[in-house]
Amino acid sequence: MLLRASSEATDINVDLGVVMVGHSTTNAEIPHGEVLLQFAEAAVIGGEGEIAAAREALLTALGPAELVDAAGVVGNFERNVRIADATGIPLDDFLEERSADFRSEIGVDAFASQSND
């Protein structure tokens, strides 16, 4: 939801489906989007070699400060997801309503969930 809000605030067209399928040509408006996506994917699901290559590509494209920023963002999102998954935190009603359109669009609703009802 934060990506959608920030893309709207900066008037950048972002394909949120890229988080489910990987590469997308519709995210061309995001500066260095391809190298950032490769880094995020490698950090979350890559092996040591993939992570090292993605880190080097990001360092070359953006520099050391931006590499640290990108690593912090990836780490923070990964941490948030793990905490939510481990504790079974339900989606707040207002977030469920505001995210229904893009959750359906990118296929997130297909993942198993457990209701607290």
PDB file of N, CA and C in Angstrom:
ATOM      1  N   MET A   1       0.814  -1.179   0.000  1.00  0.00           N
ATOM      2  CA  MET A   1       0.000   0.000   0.000  1.00  0.00           C
ATOM      3  C   MET A   1       0.864   1.252   0.000  1.00  0.00           C
ATOM      4  N   LEU A   2       2.020   1.207   0.659  1.00  0.00           N
ATOM      5  CA  LEU A   2       2.908   2.357   0.679  1.00  0.00           C
ATOM      6  C   LEU A   2       3.450   2.655  -0.708  1.00  0.00           C
ATOM      7  N   LEU A   3       3.783   1.630  -1.480  1.00  0.00           N
ATOM      8  CA  LEU A   3       4.275   1.848  -2.834  1.00  0.00           C
ATOM      9  C   LEU A   3       3.205   2.518  -3.678  1.00  0.00           C
ATOM     10  N   ARG A   4       1.978   2.063  -3.539  1.00  0.00           N
ATOM     11  CA  ARG A   4       0.890   2.675  -4.308  1.00  0.00           C
ATOM     12  C   ARG A   4       0.732   4.138  -3.909  1.00  0.00           C
ATOM     13  N   ALA A   5       0.755   4.436  -2.618  1.00  0.00           N
ATOM     14  CA  ALA A   5       0.586   5.811  -2.145  1.00  0.00           C
ATOM     15  C   ALA A   5       1.740   6.691  -2.598  1.00  0.00           C
ATOM     16  N   SER A   6       2.969   6.198  -2.496  1.00  0.00           N
ATOM     17  CA  SER A   6       4.105   7.028  -2.907  1.00  0.00           C
ATOM     18  C   SER A   6       4.133   7.228  -4.412  1.00  0.00           C
ATOM     19  N   SER A   7       3.713   6.236  -5.183  1.00  0.00           N
ATOM     20  CA  SER A   7       3.682   6.409  -6.635  1.00  0.00           C
ATOM     21  C   SER A   7       2.617   7.424  -7.029  1.00  0.00           C
ATOM     22  N   GLU A   8       1.498   7.437  -6.319  1.00  0.00           N
ATOM     23  CA  GLU A   8       0.458   8.432  -6.591  1.00  0.00           C
ATOM     24  C   GLU A   8       0.931   9.822  -6.200  1.00  0.00           C
ATOM     25  N   ALA A   9       1.640   9.928  -5.085  1.00  0.00           N
ATOM     26  CA  ALA A   9       2.121  11.226  -4.615  1.00  0.00           C
ATOM     27  C   ALA A   9       3.160  11.825  -5.556  1.00  0.00           C
ATOM     28  N   THR A  10       3.943  10.976  -6.198  1.00  0.00           N
ATOM     29  CA  THR A  10       4.981  11.454  -7.115  1.00  0.00           C
ATOM     30  C   THR A  10       4.544  11.396  -8.565  1.00  0.00           C
ATOM     31  N   ASP A  11       3.301  10.996  -8.796  1.00  0.00           N
ATOM     32  CA  ASP A  11       2.714  10.906 -10.140  1.00  0.00           C
ATOM     33  C   ASP A  11       3.538   9.996 -11.056  1.00  0.00           C
ATOM     34  N   ILE A  12       3.941   8.839 -10.519  1.00  0.00           N
ATOM     35  CA  ILE A  12       4.672   7.829 -11.289  1.00  0.00           C
ATOM     36  C   ILE A  12       3.768   6.617 -11.448  1.00  0.00           C
ATOM     37  N   ASN A  13       3.661   6.119 -12.665  1.00  0.00           N
ATOM     38  CA  ASN A  13       2.854   4.934 -12.948  1.00  0.00           C
ATOM     39  C   ASN A  13       3.641   3.688 -12.548  1.00  0.00           C
ATOM     40  N   VAL A  14       3.116   2.919 -11.600  1.00  0.00           N
ATOM     41  CA  VAL A  14       3.796   1.729 -11.100  1.00  0.00           C
ATOM     42  C   VAL A  14       2.899   0.516 -11.294  1.00  0.00           C
ATOM     43  N   ASP A  15       3.464  -0.549 -11.850  1.00  0.00           N
ATOM     44  CA  ASP A  15       2.756  -1.817 -11.999  1.00  0.00           C
ATOM     45  C   ASP A  15       2.987  -2.634 -10.737  1.00  0.00           C
ATOM     46  N   LEU A  16       2.007  -2.678  -9.842  1.00  0.00           N
ATOM     47  CA  LEU A  16       2.159  -3.410  -8.585  1.00  0.00           C
ATOM     48  C   LEU A  16       2.226  -4.910  -8.804  1.00  0.00           C
ATOM     49  N   GLY A  17       1.778  -5.387  -9.959  1.00  0.00           N
ATOM     50  CA  GLY A  17       1.844  -6.803 -10.267  1.00  0.00           C
ATOM     51  C   GLY A  17       3.260  -7.328 -10.358  1.00  0.00           C
ATOM     52  N   VAL A  18       4.229  -6.439 -10.497  1.00  0.00           N
ATOM     53  CA  VAL A  18       5.619  -6.859 -10.601  1.00  0.00           C
ATOM     54  C   VAL A  18       6.069  -7.597  -9.340  1.00  0.00           C
ATOM     55  N   VAL A  19       5.443  -7.317  -8.200  1.00  0.00           N
ATOM     56  CA  VAL A  19       5.839  -8.004  -6.975  1.00  0.00           C
ATOM     57  C   VAL A  19       5.459  -9.476  -6.995  1.00  0.00           C
ATOM     58  N   MET A  20       4.532  -9.841  -7.870  1.00  0.00           N
ATOM     59  CA  MET A  20       4.104 -11.225  -7.947  1.00  0.00           C
ATOM     60  C   MET A  20       4.772 -11.991  -9.086  1.00  0.00           C
ATOM     61  N   VAL A  21       5.126 -11.296 -10.151  1.00  0.00           N
ATOM     62  CA  VAL A  21       5.638 -11.996 -11.336  1.00  0.00           C
ATOM     63  C   VAL A  21       7.048 -11.612 -11.715  1.00  0.00           C
ATOM     64  N   GLY A  22       7.628 -10.646 -11.076  1.00  0.00           N
ATOM     65  CA  GLY A  22       8.984 -10.246 -11.409  1.00  0.00           C
ATOM     66  C   GLY A  22       9.026  -9.100 -12.380  1.00  0.00           C
ATOM     67  N   HIS A  23       9.743  -9.270 -13.446  1.00  0.00           N
ATOM     68  CA  HIS A  23      10.044  -8.169 -14.355  1.00  0.00           C
ATOM     69  C   HIS A  23       8.822  -7.651 -15.098  1.00  0.00           C
ATOM     70  N   SER A  24       8.822  -6.354 -15.321  1.00  0.00           N
ATOM     71  CA  SER A  24       7.712  -5.708 -16.004  1.00  0.00           C
ATOM     72  C   SER A  24       8.225  -4.502 -16.773  1.00  0.00           C
ATOM     73  N   THR A  25       7.715  -4.307 -17.958  1.00  0.00           N
ATOM     74  CA  THR A  25       8.124  -3.148 -18.741  1.00  0.00           C
ATOM     75  C   THR A  25       7.360  -1.899 -18.351  1.00  0.00           C
ATOM     76  N   THR A  26       6.293  -2.029 -17.579  1.00  0.00           N
ATOM     77  CA  THR A  26       5.496  -0.855 -17.224  1.00  0.00           C
ATOM     78  C   THR A  26       6.098  -0.066 -16.072  1.00  0.00           C
ATOM     79  N   ASN A  27       7.170  -0.548 -15.447  1.00  0.00           N
ATOM     80  CA  ASN A  27       7.809   0.187 -14.369  1.00  0.00           C
ATOM     81  C   ASN A  27       9.003   0.989 -14.865  1.00  0.00           C
ATOM     82  N   ALA A  28       9.020   1.295 -16.150  1.00  0.00           N
ATOM     83  CA  ALA A  28      10.131   2.029 -16.745  1.00  0.00           C
ATOM     84  C   ALA A  28      10.292   3.427 -16.166  1.00  0.00           C
ATOM     85  N   GLU A  29       9.241   3.975 -15.570  1.00  0.00           N
ATOM     86  CA  GLU A  29       9.307   5.314 -14.998  1.00  0.00           C
ATOM     87  C   GLU A  29      10.115   5.364 -13.703  1.00  0.00           C
ATOM     88  N   ILE A  30      10.350   4.237 -13.074  1.00  0.00           N
ATOM     89  CA  ILE A  30      11.098   4.205 -11.820  1.00  0.00           C
ATOM     90  C   ILE A  30      12.590   4.214 -12.157  1.00  0.00           C
ATOM     91  N   PRO A  31      13.303   5.260 -11.745  1.00  0.00           N
ATOM     92  CA  PRO A  31      14.740   5.313 -12.039  1.00  0.00           C
ATOM     93  C   PRO A  31      15.468   4.103 -11.455  1.00  0.00           C
ATOM     94  N   HIS A  32      16.228   3.428 -12.290  1.00  0.00           N
ATOM     95  CA  HIS A  32      16.998   2.238 -11.894  1.00  0.00           C
ATOM     96  C   HIS A  32      16.099   1.123 -11.366  1.00  0.00           C
ATOM     97  N   GLY A  33      14.841   1.098 -11.808  1.00  0.00           N
ATOM     98  CA  GLY A  33      13.875   0.114 -11.333  1.00  0.00           C
ATOM     99  C   GLY A  33      14.313  -1.318 -11.543  1.00  0.00           C
ATOM    100  N   GLU A  34      14.915  -1.605 -12.684  1.00  0.00           N
ATOM    101  CA  GLU A  34      15.326  -2.983 -12.983  1.00  0.00           C
ATOM    102  C   GLU A  34      16.400  -3.468 -12.008  1.00  0.00           C
ATOM    103  N   VAL A  35      17.415  -2.647 -11.762  1.00  0.00           N
ATOM    104  CA  VAL A  35      18.491  -3.064 -10.858  1.00  0.00           C
ATOM    105  C   VAL A  35      17.985  -3.137  -9.413  1.00  0.00           C
ATOM    106  N   LEU A  36      17.052  -2.261  -9.048  1.00  0.00           N
ATOM    107  CA  LEU A  36      16.467  -2.322  -7.711  1.00  0.00           C
ATOM    108  C   LEU A  36      15.621  -3.581  -7.530  1.00  0.00           C
ATOM    109  N   LEU A  37      14.860  -3.917  -8.557  1.00  0.00           N
ATOM    110  CA  LEU A  37      14.042  -5.133  -8.502  1.00  0.00           C
ATOM    111  C   LEU A  37      14.926  -6.378  -8.405  1.00  0.00           C
ATOM    112  N   GLN A  38      15.971  -6.423  -9.189  1.00  0.00           N
ATOM    113  CA  GLN A  38      16.886  -7.570  -9.134  1.00  0.00           C
ATOM    114  C   GLN A  38      17.508  -7.701  -7.751  1.00  0.00           C
ATOM    115  N   PHE A  39      17.872  -6.582  -7.142  1.00  0.00           N
ATOM    116  CA  PHE A  39      18.448  -6.613  -5.804  1.00  0.00           C
ATOM    117  C   PHE A  39      17.436  -7.123  -4.777  1.00  0.00           C
ATOM    118  N   ALA A  40      16.212  -6.609  -4.847  1.00  0.00           N
ATOM    119  CA  ALA A  40      15.182  -7.040  -3.898  1.00  0.00           C
ATOM    120  C   ALA A  40      14.885  -8.524  -4.041  1.00  0.00           C
ATOM    121  N   GLU A  41      14.749  -8.995  -5.275  1.00  0.00           N
ATOM    122  CA  GLU A  41      14.474 -10.417  -5.501  1.00  0.00           C
ATOM    123  C   GLU A  41      15.632 -11.285  -5.011  1.00  0.00           C
ATOM    124  N   ALA A  42      16.860 -10.872  -5.297  1.00  0.00           N
ATOM    125  CA  ALA A  42      18.019 -11.647  -4.855  1.00  0.00           C
ATOM    126  C   ALA A  42      18.105 -11.679  -3.329  1.00  0.00           C
ATOM    127  N   ALA A  43      17.833 -10.552  -2.697  1.00  0.00           N
ATOM    128  CA  ALA A  43      17.911 -10.485  -1.235  1.00  0.00           C
ATOM    129  C   ALA A  43      16.893 -11.388  -0.567  1.00  0.00           C
ATOM    130  N   VAL A  44      15.724 -11.528  -1.176  1.00  0.00           N
ATOM    131  CA  VAL A  44      14.654 -12.305  -0.563  1.00  0.00           C
ATOM    132  C   VAL A  44      14.729 -13.786  -0.940  1.00  0.00           C
ATOM    133  N   ILE A  45      15.023 -14.103  -2.208  1.00  0.00           N
ATOM    134  CA  ILE A  45      14.978 -15.510  -2.637  1.00  0.00           C
ATOM    135  C   ILE A  45      16.262 -16.004  -3.315  1.00  0.00           C
ATOM    136  N   GLY A  46      17.268 -15.160  -3.426  1.00  0.00           N
ATOM    137  CA  GLY A  46      18.478 -15.552  -4.142  1.00  0.00           C
ATOM    138  C   GLY A  46      19.495 -16.266  -3.274  1.00  0.00           C
ATOM    139  N   GLY A  47      20.415 -16.925  -3.932  1.00  0.00           N
ATOM    140  CA  GLY A  47      21.541 -17.543  -3.249  1.00  0.00           C
ATOM    141  C   GLY A  47      22.669 -16.531  -3.099  1.00  0.00           C
ATOM    142  N   GLU A  48      23.763 -16.971  -2.490  1.00  0.00           N
ATOM    143  CA  GLU A  48      24.886 -16.065  -2.236  1.00  0.00           C
ATOM    144  C   GLU A  48      25.408 -15.405  -3.505  1.00  0.00           C
ATOM    145  N   GLY A  49      25.529 -16.169  -4.581  1.00  0.00           N
ATOM    146  CA  GLY A  49      26.034 -15.626  -5.835  1.00  0.00           C
ATOM    147  C   GLY A  49      25.111 -14.584  -6.437  1.00  0.00           C
ATOM    148  N   GLU A  50      23.823 -14.860  -6.387  1.00  0.00           N
ATOM    149  CA  GLU A  50      22.833 -13.905  -6.920  1.00  0.00           C
ATOM    150  C   GLU A  50      22.815 -12.615  -6.098  1.00  0.00           C
ATOM    151  N   ILE A  51      22.901 -12.767  -4.805  1.00  0.00           N
ATOM    152  CA  ILE A  51      22.899 -11.588  -3.937  1.00  0.00           C
ATOM    153  C   ILE A  51      24.149 -10.751  -4.182  1.00  0.00           C
ATOM    154  N   ALA A  52      25.293 -11.401  -4.279  1.00  0.00           N
ATOM    155  CA  ALA A  52      26.541 -10.667  -4.522  1.00  0.00           C
ATOM    156  C   ALA A  52      26.499  -9.935  -5.860  1.00  0.00           C
ATOM    157  N   ALA A  53      26.001 -10.588  -6.901  1.00  0.00           N
ATOM    158  CA  ALA A  53      25.916  -9.961  -8.223  1.00  0.00           C
ATOM    159  C   ALA A  53      24.939  -8.791  -8.211  1.00  0.00           C
ATOM    160  N   ALA A  54      23.800  -8.962  -7.565  1.00  0.00           N
ATOM    161  CA  ALA A  54      22.798  -7.899  -7.495  1.00  0.00           C
ATOM    162  C   ALA A  54      23.326  -6.720  -6.683  1.00  0.00           C
ATOM    163  N   ARG A  55      24.035  -7.017  -5.610  1.00  0.00           N
ATOM    164  CA  ARG A  55      24.621  -5.965  -4.776  1.00  0.00           C
ATOM    165  C   ARG A  55      25.639  -5.162  -5.581  1.00  0.00           C
ATOM    166  N   GLU A  56      26.489  -5.853  -6.332  1.00  0.00           N
ATOM    167  CA  GLU A  56      27.505  -5.185  -7.144  1.00  0.00           C
ATOM    168  C   GLU A  56      26.864  -4.334  -8.242  1.00  0.00           C
ATOM    169  N   ALA A  57      25.816  -4.865  -8.867  1.00  0.00           N
ATOM    170  CA  ALA A  57      25.113  -4.110  -9.918  1.00  0.00           C
ATOM    171  C   ALA A  57      24.481  -2.842  -9.342  1.00  0.00           C
ATOM    172  N   LEU A  58      23.897  -2.949  -8.165  1.00  0.00           N
ATOM    173  CA  LEU A  58      23.286  -1.796  -7.522  1.00  0.00           C
ATOM    174  C   LEU A  58      24.348  -0.782  -7.112  1.00  0.00           C
ATOM    175  N   LEU A  59      25.447  -1.251  -6.574  1.00  0.00           N
ATOM    176  CA  LEU A  59      26.555  -0.375  -6.188  1.00  0.00           C
ATOM    177  C   LEU A  59      27.082   0.386  -7.401  1.00  0.00           C
ATOM    178  N   THR A  60      27.256  -0.314  -8.512  1.00  0.00           N
ATOM    179  CA  THR A  60      27.751   0.316  -9.741  1.00  0.00           C
ATOM    180  C   THR A  60      26.759   1.345 -10.278  1.00  0.00           C
ATOM    181  N   ALA A  61      25.478   1.011 -10.254  1.00  0.00           N
ATOM    182  CA  ALA A  61      24.454   1.893 -10.820  1.00  0.00           C
ATOM    183  C   ALA A  61      24.153   3.108  -9.948  1.00  0.00           C
ATOM    184  N   LEU A  62      24.155   2.918  -8.630  1.00  0.00           N
ATOM    185  CA  LEU A  62      23.674   3.985  -7.745  1.00  0.00           C
ATOM    186  C   LEU A  62      24.672   4.496  -6.719  1.00  0.00           C
ATOM    187  N   GLY A  63      25.676   3.709  -6.386  1.00  0.00           N
ATOM    188  CA  GLY A  63      26.651   4.140  -5.395  1.00  0.00           C
ATOM    189  C   GLY A  63      26.401   3.551  -4.023  1.00  0.00           C
ATOM    190  N   PRO A  64      27.365   3.733  -3.119  1.00  0.00           N
ATOM    191  CA  PRO A  64      27.290   3.086  -1.803  1.00  0.00           C
ATOM    192  C   PRO A  64      26.149   3.565  -0.911  1.00  0.00           C
ATOM    193  N   ALA A  65      25.838   4.843  -0.900  1.00  0.00           N
ATOM    194  CA  ALA A  65      24.770   5.338  -0.023  1.00  0.00           C
ATOM    195  C   ALA A  65      23.423   4.763  -0.440  1.00  0.00           C
ATOM    196  N   GLU A  66      23.175   4.713  -1.732  1.00  0.00           N
ATOM    197  CA  GLU A  66      21.903   4.180  -2.223  1.00  0.00           C
ATOM    198  C   GLU A  66      21.824   2.670  -2.026  1.00  0.00           C
ATOM    199  N   LEU A  67      22.961   1.974  -2.108  1.00  0.00           N
ATOM    200  CA  LEU A  67      22.980   0.539  -1.813  1.00  0.00           C
ATOM    201  C   LEU A  67      22.552   0.303  -0.377  1.00  0.00           C
ATOM    202  N   VAL A  68      23.074   1.087   0.533  1.00  0.00           N
ATOM    203  CA  VAL A  68      22.706   0.951   1.945  1.00  0.00           C
ATOM    204  C   VAL A  68      21.219   1.262   2.137  1.00  0.00           C
ATOM    205  N   ASP A  69      20.731   2.306   1.478  1.00  0.00           N
ATOM    206  CA  ASP A  69      19.306   2.631   1.575  1.00  0.00           C
ATOM    207  C   ASP A  69      18.439   1.490   1.054  1.00  0.00           C
ATOM    208  N   ALA A  70      18.801   0.947  -0.106  1.00  0.00           N
ATOM    209  CA  ALA A  70      18.019  -0.148  -0.699  1.00  0.00           C
ATOM    210  C   ALA A  70      18.041  -1.373   0.206  1.00  0.00           C
ATOM    211  N   ALA A  71      19.203  -1.687   0.768  1.00  0.00           N
ATOM    212  CA  ALA A  71      19.298  -2.833   1.674  1.00  0.00           C
ATOM    213  C   ALA A  71      18.436  -2.618   2.916  1.00  0.00           C
ATOM    214  N   GLY A  72      18.407  -1.405   3.415  1.00  0.00           N
ATOM    215  CA  GLY A  72      17.563  -1.093   4.572  1.00  0.00           C
ATOM    216  C   GLY A  72      16.083  -1.252   4.261  1.00  0.00           C
ATOM    217  N   VAL A  73      15.666  -0.820   3.080  1.00  0.00           N
ATOM    218  CA  VAL A  73      14.263  -0.951   2.693  1.00  0.00           C
ATOM    219  C   VAL A  73      13.883  -2.420   2.551  1.00  0.00           C
ATOM    220  N   VAL A  74      14.728  -3.198   1.864  1.00  0.00           N
ATOM    221  CA  VAL A  74      14.453  -4.630   1.697  1.00  0.00           C
ATOM    222  C   VAL A  74      14.386  -5.309   3.055  1.00  0.00           C
ATOM    223  N   GLY A  75      15.343  -5.013   3.930  1.00  0.00           N
ATOM    224  CA  GLY A  75      15.362  -5.615   5.255  1.00  0.00           C
ATOM    225  C   GLY A  75      14.137  -5.251   6.076  1.00  0.00           C
ATOM    226  N   ASN A  76      13.709  -3.995   5.997  1.00  0.00           N
ATOM    227  CA  ASN A  76      12.544  -3.557   6.756  1.00  0.00           C
ATOM    228  C   ASN A  76      11.270  -4.248   6.273  1.00  0.00           C
ATOM    229  N   PHE A  77      11.083  -4.338   4.954  1.00  0.00           N
ATOM    230  CA  PHE A  77       9.893  -5.018   4.444  1.00  0.00           C
ATOM    231  C   PHE A  77       9.912  -6.496   4.813  1.00  0.00           C
ATOM    232  N   GLU A  78      11.067  -7.122   4.692  1.00  0.00           N
ATOM    233  CA  GLU A  78      11.178  -8.538   5.037  1.00  0.00           C
ATOM    234  C   GLU A  78      10.859  -8.749   6.517  1.00  0.00           C
ATOM    235  N   ARG A  79      11.361  -7.871   7.353  1.00  0.00           N
ATOM    236  CA  ARG A  79      11.102  -7.953   8.794  1.00  0.00           C
ATOM    237  C   ARG A  79       9.611  -7.807   9.076  1.00  0.00           C
ATOM    238  N   ASN A  80       8.989  -6.807   8.470  1.00  0.00           N
ATOM    239  CA  ASN A  80       7.560  -6.584   8.700  1.00  0.00           C
ATOM    240  C   ASN A  80       6.726  -7.792   8.298  1.00  0.00           C
ATOM    241  N   VAL A  81       7.041  -8.371   7.157  1.00  0.00           N
ATOM    242  CA  VAL A  81       6.292  -9.533   6.675  1.00  0.00           C
ATOM    243  C   VAL A  81       6.473 -10.716   7.619  1.00  0.00           C
ATOM    244  N   ARG A  82       7.683 -10.961   8.057  1.00  0.00           N
ATOM    245  CA  ARG A  82       7.930 -12.091   8.962  1.00  0.00           C
ATOM    246  C   ARG A  82       7.218 -11.920  10.300  1.00  0.00           C
ATOM    247  N   ILE A  83       7.210 -10.709  10.826  1.00  0.00           N
ATOM    248  CA  ILE A  83       6.511 -10.461  12.081  1.00  0.00           C
ATOM    249  C   ILE A  83       5.015 -10.694  11.903  1.00  0.00           C
ATOM    250  N   ALA A  84       4.462 -10.148  10.835  1.00  0.00           N
ATOM    251  CA  ALA A  84       3.024 -10.312  10.588  1.00  0.00           C
ATOM    252  C   ALA A  84       2.671 -11.781  10.394  1.00  0.00           C
ATOM    253  N   ASP A  85       3.471 -12.499   9.614  1.00  0.00           N
ATOM    254  CA  ASP A  85       3.203 -13.915   9.381  1.00  0.00           C
ATOM    255  C   ASP A  85       3.312 -14.727  10.674  1.00  0.00           C
ATOM    256  N   ALA A  86       4.349 -14.459  11.450  1.00  0.00           N
ATOM    257  CA  ALA A  86       4.590 -15.243  12.659  1.00  0.00           C
ATOM    258  C   ALA A  86       3.529 -15.014  13.725  1.00  0.00           C
ATOM    259  N   THR A  87       3.017 -13.809  13.794  1.00  0.00           N
ATOM    260  CA  THR A  87       2.035 -13.501  14.828  1.00  0.00           C
ATOM    261  C   THR A  87       0.601 -13.630  14.349  1.00  0.00           C
ATOM    262  N   GLY A  88       0.413 -13.803  13.051  1.00  0.00           N
ATOM    263  CA  GLY A  88      -0.938 -13.936  12.509  1.00  0.00           C
ATOM    264  C   GLY A  88      -1.721 -12.645  12.546  1.00  0.00           C
ATOM    265  N   ILE A  89      -1.029 -11.525  12.410  1.00  0.00           N
ATOM    266  CA  ILE A  89      -1.693 -10.225  12.455  1.00  0.00           C
ATOM    267  C   ILE A  89      -2.685 -10.114  11.306  1.00  0.00           C
ATOM    268  N   PRO A  90      -3.949  -9.871  11.620  1.00  0.00           N
ATOM    269  CA  PRO A  90      -4.936  -9.706  10.543  1.00  0.00           C
ATOM    270  C   PRO A  90      -4.800  -8.326   9.903  1.00  0.00           C
ATOM    271  N   LEU A  91      -5.255  -8.218   8.687  1.00  0.00           N
ATOM    272  CA  LEU A  91      -5.273  -6.948   7.980  1.00  0.00           C
ATOM    273  C   LEU A  91      -6.364  -6.075   8.578  1.00  0.00           C
ATOM    274  N   ASP A  92      -6.008  -4.845   8.963  1.00  0.00           N
ATOM    275  CA  ASP A  92      -7.007  -3.918   9.510  1.00  0.00           C
ATOM    276  C   ASP A  92      -8.114  -3.694   8.490  1.00  0.00           C
ATOM    277  N   ASP A  93      -9.342  -3.452   8.992  1.00  0.00           N
ATOM    278  CA  ASP A  93     -10.498  -3.250   8.110  1.00  0.00           C
ATOM    279  C   ASP A  93     -10.255  -2.157   7.078  1.00  0.00           C
ATOM    280  N   PHE A  94      -9.701  -1.005   7.523  1.00  0.00           N
ATOM    281  CA  PHE A  94      -9.507   0.091   6.580  1.00  0.00           C
ATOM    282  C   PHE A  94      -8.460  -0.266   5.524  1.00  0.00           C
ATOM    283  N   LEU A  95      -7.443  -1.048   5.902  1.00  0.00           N
ATOM    284  CA  LEU A  95      -6.446  -1.479   4.923  1.00  0.00           C
ATOM    285  C   LEU A  95      -7.020  -2.528   3.981  1.00  0.00           C
ATOM    286  N   GLU A  96      -7.868  -3.383   4.520  1.00  0.00           N
ATOM    287  CA  GLU A  96      -8.505  -4.395   3.675  1.00  0.00           C
ATOM    288  C   GLU A  96      -9.359  -3.731   2.606  1.00  0.00           C
ATOM    289  N   GLU A  97     -10.114  -2.715   3.014  1.00  0.00           N
ATOM    290  CA  GLU A  97     -10.973  -1.999   2.056  1.00  0.00           C
ATOM    291  C   GLU A  97     -10.142  -1.236   1.034  1.00  0.00           C
ATOM    292  N   ARG A  98      -9.114  -0.513   1.487  1.00  0.00           N
ATOM    293  CA  ARG A  98      -8.312   0.334   0.590  1.00  0.00           C
ATOM    294  C   ARG A  98      -7.403  -0.470  -0.333  1.00  0.00           C
ATOM    295  N   SER A  99      -7.108  -1.707   0.023  1.00  0.00           N
ATOM    296  CA  SER A  99      -6.190  -2.503  -0.792  1.00  0.00           C
ATOM    297  C   SER A  99      -6.889  -3.585  -1.606  1.00  0.00           C
ATOM    298  N   ALA A 100      -8.202  -3.690  -1.496  1.00  0.00           N
ATOM    299  CA  ALA A 100      -8.940  -4.771  -2.162  1.00  0.00           C
ATOM    300  C   ALA A 100      -8.689  -4.808  -3.656  1.00  0.00           C
ATOM    301  N   ASP A 101      -8.675  -3.644  -4.306  1.00  0.00           N
ATOM    302  CA  ASP A 101      -8.509  -3.616  -5.757  1.00  0.00           C
ATOM    303  C   ASP A 101      -7.159  -4.164  -6.188  1.00  0.00           C
ATOM    304  N   PHE A 102      -6.081  -3.705  -5.587  1.00  0.00           N
ATOM    305  CA  PHE A 102      -4.781  -4.183  -6.058  1.00  0.00           C
ATOM    306  C   PHE A 102      -4.417  -5.553  -5.503  1.00  0.00           C
ATOM    307  N   ARG A 103      -4.957  -5.946  -4.353  1.00  0.00           N
ATOM    308  CA  ARG A 103      -4.719  -7.311  -3.870  1.00  0.00           C
ATOM    309  C   ARG A 103      -5.299  -8.315  -4.847  1.00  0.00           C
ATOM    310  N   SER A 104      -6.490  -8.041  -5.334  1.00  0.00           N
ATOM    311  CA  SER A 104      -7.125  -8.904  -6.320  1.00  0.00           C
ATOM    312  C   SER A 104      -6.355  -8.877  -7.634  1.00  0.00           C
ATOM    313  N   GLU A 105      -5.965  -7.687  -8.060  1.00  0.00           N
ATOM    314  CA  GLU A 105      -5.261  -7.509  -9.334  1.00  0.00           C
ATOM    315  C   GLU A 105      -3.941  -8.269  -9.384  1.00  0.00           C
ATOM    316  N   ILE A 106      -3.184  -8.270  -8.299  1.00  0.00           N
ATOM    317  CA  ILE A 106      -1.872  -8.930  -8.322  1.00  0.00           C
ATOM    318  C   ILE A 106      -1.909 -10.359  -7.782  1.00  0.00           C
ATOM    319  N   GLY A 107      -3.068 -10.805  -7.321  1.00  0.00           N
ATOM    320  CA  GLY A 107      -3.221 -12.199  -6.922  1.00  0.00           C
ATOM    321  C   GLY A 107      -2.896 -12.532  -5.485  1.00  0.00           C
ATOM    322  N   VAL A 108      -2.740 -11.537  -4.638  1.00  0.00           N
ATOM    323  CA  VAL A 108      -2.400 -11.789  -3.236  1.00  0.00           C
ATOM    324  C   VAL A 108      -3.511 -12.546  -2.522  1.00  0.00           C
ATOM    325  N   ASP A 109      -4.748 -12.291  -2.906  1.00  0.00           N
ATOM    326  CA  ASP A 109      -5.868 -12.955  -2.244  1.00  0.00           C
ATOM    327  C   ASP A 109      -5.870 -14.469  -2.442  1.00  0.00           C
ATOM    328  N   ALA A 110      -5.089 -14.951  -3.378  1.00  0.00           N
ATOM    329  CA  ALA A 110      -5.023 -16.390  -3.621  1.00  0.00           C
ATOM    330  C   ALA A 110      -4.220 -17.119  -2.540  1.00  0.00           C
ATOM    331  N   PHE A 111      -3.442 -16.380  -1.757  1.00  0.00           N
ATOM    332  CA  PHE A 111      -2.667 -17.006  -0.693  1.00  0.00           C
ATOM    333  C   PHE A 111      -3.571 -17.389   0.461  1.00  0.00           C
ATOM    334  N   ALA A 112      -3.210 -18.457   1.146  1.00  0.00           N
ATOM    335  CA  ALA A 112      -4.012 -18.937   2.273  1.00  0.00           C
ATOM    336  C   ALA A 112      -4.003 -17.907   3.400  1.00  0.00           C
ATOM    337  N   SER A 113      -5.112 -17.791   4.061  1.00  0.00           N
ATOM    338  CA  SER A 113      -5.194 -16.934   5.242  1.00  0.00           C
ATOM    339  C   SER A 113      -6.114 -17.611   6.230  1.00  0.00           C
ATOM    340  N   GLN A 114      -6.002 -17.181   7.453  1.00  0.00           N
ATOM    341  CA  GLN A 114      -6.832 -17.758   8.499  1.00  0.00           C
ATOM    342  C   GLN A 114      -7.600 -16.635   9.153  1.00  0.00           C
ATOM    343  N   SER A 115      -8.871 -16.732   9.225  1.00  0.00           N
ATOM    344  CA  SER A 115      -9.714 -15.714   9.850  1.00  0.00           C
ATOM    345  C   SER A 115      -9.710 -15.885  11.344  1.00  0.00           C
ATOM    346  N   ASN A 116      -9.795 -14.778  12.040  1.00  0.00           N
ATOM    347  CA  ASN A 116      -9.880 -14.820  13.501  1.00  0.00           C
ATOM    348  C   ASN A 116     -11.310 -14.823  13.981  1.00  0.00           C
ATOM    349  N   ASP A 117     -12.262 -14.987  13.049  1.00  0.00           N
ATOM    350  CA  ASP A 117     -13.679 -14.985  13.417  1.00  0.00           C
ATOM    351  C   ASP A 117     -14.050 -16.217  14.199  1.00  0.00           C
TER     352      ASP A 117
END
